[in-house]
Amino acid sequence: MSRKTDSRNNGEQQELKPEESEFKVDDRRHWQREGEDDAGDVTEAAPAKPTIIEEYRERAEQAEQKLHEYIDAFKQFRQEQEEVRVRLNRDVQRKVELQFGELVGELLLSIDDLDLALAHVGNGEGAQNLARGVQMVRNKFVETLERHGIERMEPDGEDFDPNTTEAIRMDSVDEDKDGKITETLRPGYRLGGHIIRAAQVAVGRRS
């Protein structure tokens, strides 16, 4: 009888095995379900739209960039204006100097005439009185030119410079005076860097 009982028990155990294999545990802890729900939300969340603050910040950055571009353009415009103004002023000043130099060049002939008259004054008392008057007029004329920036050039003893002087005569000299101006035959005049009239000179040449 015990064998029958054992065999029946073995049959019941064998019948219970399929049921045990299908048994599952469902974890219903609330924090576990919330974690799974949150994970699902992360993977399915749509990209966030820019907020109103971000939009305003982007607009402000664009406006600031535009402002810098306008400032740079304005500075460039001012610089170009200044360059044009300087160039025009320089051109006008150059033209004024040239025209003034031409006028002075004609007046210098009057000084040459006065110098020539003084060089041929006689020894008589009347001639000497006349010479003093001529000398005063001539000196006043030269002082007026100097007051207006006209510089008189009498380069005796200096090296000959073809840019400012004109060689009229060559004099035989010793080696140490070779190429130097021995005498100013007619003074020259200049206004700043502009030569109104070159000085006529005699230049030494080693013999």
Protein backbone atom coordinates (compact mmCIF):
# COMPACT_ATOMS: atom_id res chain seq x y z
CA MET A 1 0.00 0.00 0.00
CA SER A 2 2.85 2.28 0.61
CA ARG A 3 4.07 1.79 -2.92
CA LYS A 4 0.72 2.93 -4.27
CA THR A 5 0.80 5.97 -2.08
CA ASP A 6 4.29 6.83 -3.20
CA SER A 7 3.41 6.45 -6.81
CA ARG A 8 0.37 8.70 -6.39
CA ASN A 9 2.43 11.32 -4.67
CA ASN A 10 4.99 11.18 -7.43
CA GLY A 11 2.28 11.76 -9.98
CA GLU A 12 0.97 14.79 -8.17
CA GLN A 13 4.49 16.24 -7.93
CA GLN A 14 4.97 15.71 -11.63
CA GLU A 15 1.70 17.43 -12.36
CA LEU A 16 2.69 20.44 -10.22
CA LYS A 17 5.97 21.11 -12.08
CA PRO A 18 4.38 22.80 -15.12
CA GLU A 19 2.47 25.15 -12.87
CA GLU A 20 5.64 26.07 -10.99
CA SER A 21 7.45 26.90 -14.24
CA GLU A 22 4.74 29.40 -15.21
CA PHE A 23 4.76 31.19 -11.87
CA LYS A 24 5.87 34.86 -12.11
CA VAL A 25 6.48 37.61 -9.52
CA ASP A 26 4.97 40.99 -10.24
CA ASP A 27 6.80 43.76 -8.41
CA ARG A 28 4.14 46.30 -7.50
CA ARG A 29 6.24 48.61 -5.37
CA HIS A 30 5.18 52.15 -6.25
CA TRP A 31 8.73 53.54 -6.49
CA GLN A 32 9.67 50.85 -9.00
CA ARG A 33 6.68 51.75 -11.23
CA GLU A 34 7.48 55.48 -11.00
CA GLY A 35 11.08 54.84 -12.08
CA GLU A 36 9.94 52.89 -15.11
CA ASP A 37 7.42 55.59 -16.04
CA ASP A 38 10.11 58.30 -15.73
CA ALA A 39 12.53 56.35 -17.94
CA GLY A 40 9.87 56.07 -20.59
CA ASP A 41 9.20 59.79 -20.43
CA VAL A 42 12.90 60.61 -20.97
CA THR A 43 13.19 58.61 -24.16
CA GLU A 44 9.95 59.91 -25.61
CA ALA A 45 10.27 63.62 -24.54
CA ALA A 46 10.12 66.17 -27.39
CA PRO A 47 12.90 68.80 -27.77
CA ALA A 48 12.25 71.87 -25.62
CA LYS A 49 11.33 75.11 -27.40
CA PRO A 50 13.39 78.27 -26.67
CA THR A 51 11.98 80.35 -23.88
CA ILE A 52 11.02 84.01 -24.29
CA ILE A 53 14.19 85.03 -22.38
CA GLU A 54 16.39 83.11 -24.79
CA GLU A 55 14.66 84.77 -27.73
CA TYR A 56 15.20 88.22 -26.23
CA ARG A 57 18.85 87.41 -25.53
CA GLU A 58 19.39 86.28 -29.11
CA ARG A 59 17.75 89.46 -30.41
CA ALA A 60 19.94 91.56 -28.11
CA GLU A 61 23.10 89.82 -29.35
CA GLN A 62 22.09 90.42 -32.97
CA ALA A 63 21.31 94.07 -32.23
CA GLU A 64 24.69 94.48 -30.50
CA GLN A 65 26.47 92.97 -33.49
CA LYS A 66 24.65 95.36 -35.83
CA LEU A 67 25.59 98.27 -33.58
CA HIS A 68 29.29 97.34 -33.75
CA GLU A 69 29.05 97.10 -37.54
CA TYR A 70 27.49 100.59 -37.72
CA ILE A 71 30.16 102.00 -35.38
CA ASP A 72 32.97 100.49 -37.47
CA ALA A 73 31.42 101.86 -40.67
CA PHE A 74 31.05 105.30 -39.09
CA LYS A 75 34.69 105.30 -37.93
CA GLN A 76 35.81 104.31 -41.43
CA PHE A 77 33.73 107.12 -42.91
CA ARG A 78 35.17 109.67 -40.47
CA GLN A 79 38.71 108.50 -41.24
CA GLU A 80 38.14 108.83 -44.97
CA GLN A 81 36.65 112.30 -44.44
CA GLU A 82 39.68 113.35 -42.40
CA GLU A 83 42.06 112.06 -45.07
CA VAL A 84 40.17 113.99 -47.74
CA ARG A 85 40.20 117.15 -45.60
CA VAL A 86 43.95 116.89 -44.98
CA ARG A 87 44.62 116.28 -48.65
CA LEU A 88 42.47 119.24 -49.71
CA ASN A 89 44.10 121.52 -47.17
CA ARG A 90 47.53 120.42 -48.36
CA ASP A 91 46.58 121.02 -51.99
CA VAL A 92 45.11 124.44 -51.19
CA GLN A 93 48.16 125.41 -49.17
CA ARG A 94 50.41 124.28 -52.01
CA LYS A 95 48.48 126.35 -54.54
CA VAL A 96 48.56 129.40 -52.27
CA GLU A 97 52.31 129.03 -51.80
CA LEU A 98 52.85 128.74 -55.56
CA GLN A 99 50.72 131.79 -56.33
CA PHE A 100 52.30 133.76 -53.51
CA GLY A 101 55.73 132.67 -54.69
CA GLU A 102 55.00 133.90 -58.20
CA LEU A 103 53.93 137.27 -56.82
CA VAL A 104 57.00 137.51 -54.61
CA GLY A 105 59.21 136.49 -57.54
CA GLU A 106 58.07 139.55 -59.43
CA LEU A 107 58.63 141.79 -56.42
CA LEU A 108 62.14 140.44 -55.97
CA LEU A 109 63.10 142.16 -59.19
CA SER A 110 62.46 145.44 -57.43
CA ILE A 111 64.90 144.46 -54.67
CA ASP A 112 67.47 143.56 -57.29
CA ASP A 113 67.06 147.01 -58.81
CA LEU A 114 67.52 148.65 -55.42
CA ASP A 115 70.65 146.59 -54.75
CA LEU A 116 72.01 147.54 -58.17
CA ALA A 117 71.31 151.22 -57.49
CA LEU A 118 73.11 151.04 -54.14
CA ALA A 119 76.11 149.41 -55.78
CA HIS A 120 76.54 152.36 -58.16
CA VAL A 121 76.02 155.25 -55.76
CA GLY A 122 78.53 158.04 -56.19
CA ASN A 123 80.60 159.66 -53.46
CA GLY A 124 78.84 163.01 -53.48
CA GLU A 125 76.89 164.22 -50.44
CA GLY A 126 73.64 164.26 -52.33
CA ALA A 127 74.24 160.76 -53.64
CA GLN A 128 74.94 159.48 -50.15
CA ASN A 129 71.69 160.96 -48.81
CA LEU A 130 69.83 159.31 -51.67
CA ALA A 131 71.59 156.03 -50.99
CA ARG A 132 70.51 156.08 -47.34
CA GLY A 133 66.91 156.56 -48.41
CA VAL A 134 67.14 153.74 -50.93
CA GLN A 135 68.75 151.47 -48.30
CA MET A 136 65.90 152.12 -45.86
CA VAL A 137 63.30 151.25 -48.50
CA ARG A 138 65.19 148.15 -49.50
CA ASN A 139 65.62 146.94 -45.88
CA LYS A 140 61.94 147.52 -45.13
CA PHE A 141 61.00 145.54 -48.22
CA VAL A 142 63.19 142.59 -47.16
CA GLU A 143 61.85 142.68 -43.57
CA THR A 144 58.28 142.52 -44.89
CA LEU A 145 59.12 139.44 -46.95
CA GLU A 146 60.79 137.74 -43.98
CA ARG A 147 57.77 138.50 -41.79
CA HIS A 148 55.64 136.54 -44.29
CA GLY A 149 57.93 133.51 -44.24
CA ILE A 150 60.17 134.42 -47.17
CA GLU A 151 63.76 133.38 -46.46
CA ARG A 152 66.69 135.05 -48.23
CA MET A 153 69.49 132.66 -49.33
CA GLU A 154 73.11 133.78 -49.61
CA PRO A 155 75.01 130.47 -49.34
CA ASP A 156 78.61 131.74 -49.41
CA GLY A 157 81.06 129.04 -48.30
CA GLU A 158 78.46 126.24 -48.44
CA ASP A 159 78.53 123.16 -50.66
CA PHE A 160 76.96 123.68 -54.05
CA ASP A 161 73.39 122.33 -54.17
CA PRO A 162 71.80 122.31 -57.64
CA ASN A 163 68.33 122.13 -56.03
CA THR A 164 68.65 125.55 -54.41
CA THR A 165 71.43 127.31 -56.32
CA GLU A 166 72.37 128.00 -59.92
CA ALA A 167 76.05 128.00 -60.92
CA ILE A 168 76.86 131.04 -63.06
CA ARG A 169 80.64 131.05 -62.78
CA MET A 170 83.46 128.65 -61.92
CA ASP A 171 86.42 129.88 -59.88
CA SER A 172 89.78 128.18 -59.54
CA VAL A 173 90.35 127.27 -55.89
CA ASP A 174 92.47 125.05 -53.66
CA GLU A 175 91.48 121.46 -52.96
CA ASP A 176 89.73 122.23 -49.65
CA LYS A 177 87.32 124.67 -51.39
CA ASP A 178 86.53 122.44 -54.35
CA GLY A 179 82.75 122.26 -54.92
CA LYS A 180 81.99 125.08 -52.49
CA ILE A 181 80.28 128.37 -53.29
CA THR A 182 82.81 131.17 -53.51
CA GLU A 183 80.40 134.05 -54.05
CA THR A 184 76.65 134.74 -54.19
CA LEU A 185 76.03 136.76 -57.33
CA ARG A 186 72.31 137.12 -56.78
CA PRO A 187 70.49 136.04 -53.57
CA GLY A 188 67.86 133.36 -53.71
CA TYR A 189 64.54 133.17 -51.85
CA ARG A 190 62.35 130.35 -50.61
CA LEU A 191 59.04 129.91 -48.85
CA GLY A 192 59.13 126.85 -46.63
CA GLY A 193 60.21 123.96 -48.85
CA HIS A 194 59.33 125.84 -52.05
CA ILE A 195 62.17 127.59 -53.87
CA ILE A 196 60.85 130.90 -55.17
CA ARG A 197 64.09 131.80 -56.84
CA ALA A 198 67.37 129.90 -56.87
CA ALA A 199 70.45 131.79 -55.84
CA GLN A 200 72.96 132.53 -58.59
CA VAL A 201 76.46 131.69 -57.38
CA ALA A 202 80.07 131.13 -58.31
CA VAL A 203 81.40 127.64 -57.52
CA GLY A 204 85.02 126.74 -56.76
CA ARG A 205 86.81 124.16 -58.87
CA ARG A 206 90.17 122.69 -57.98
CA SER A 207 92.78 123.85 -60.47
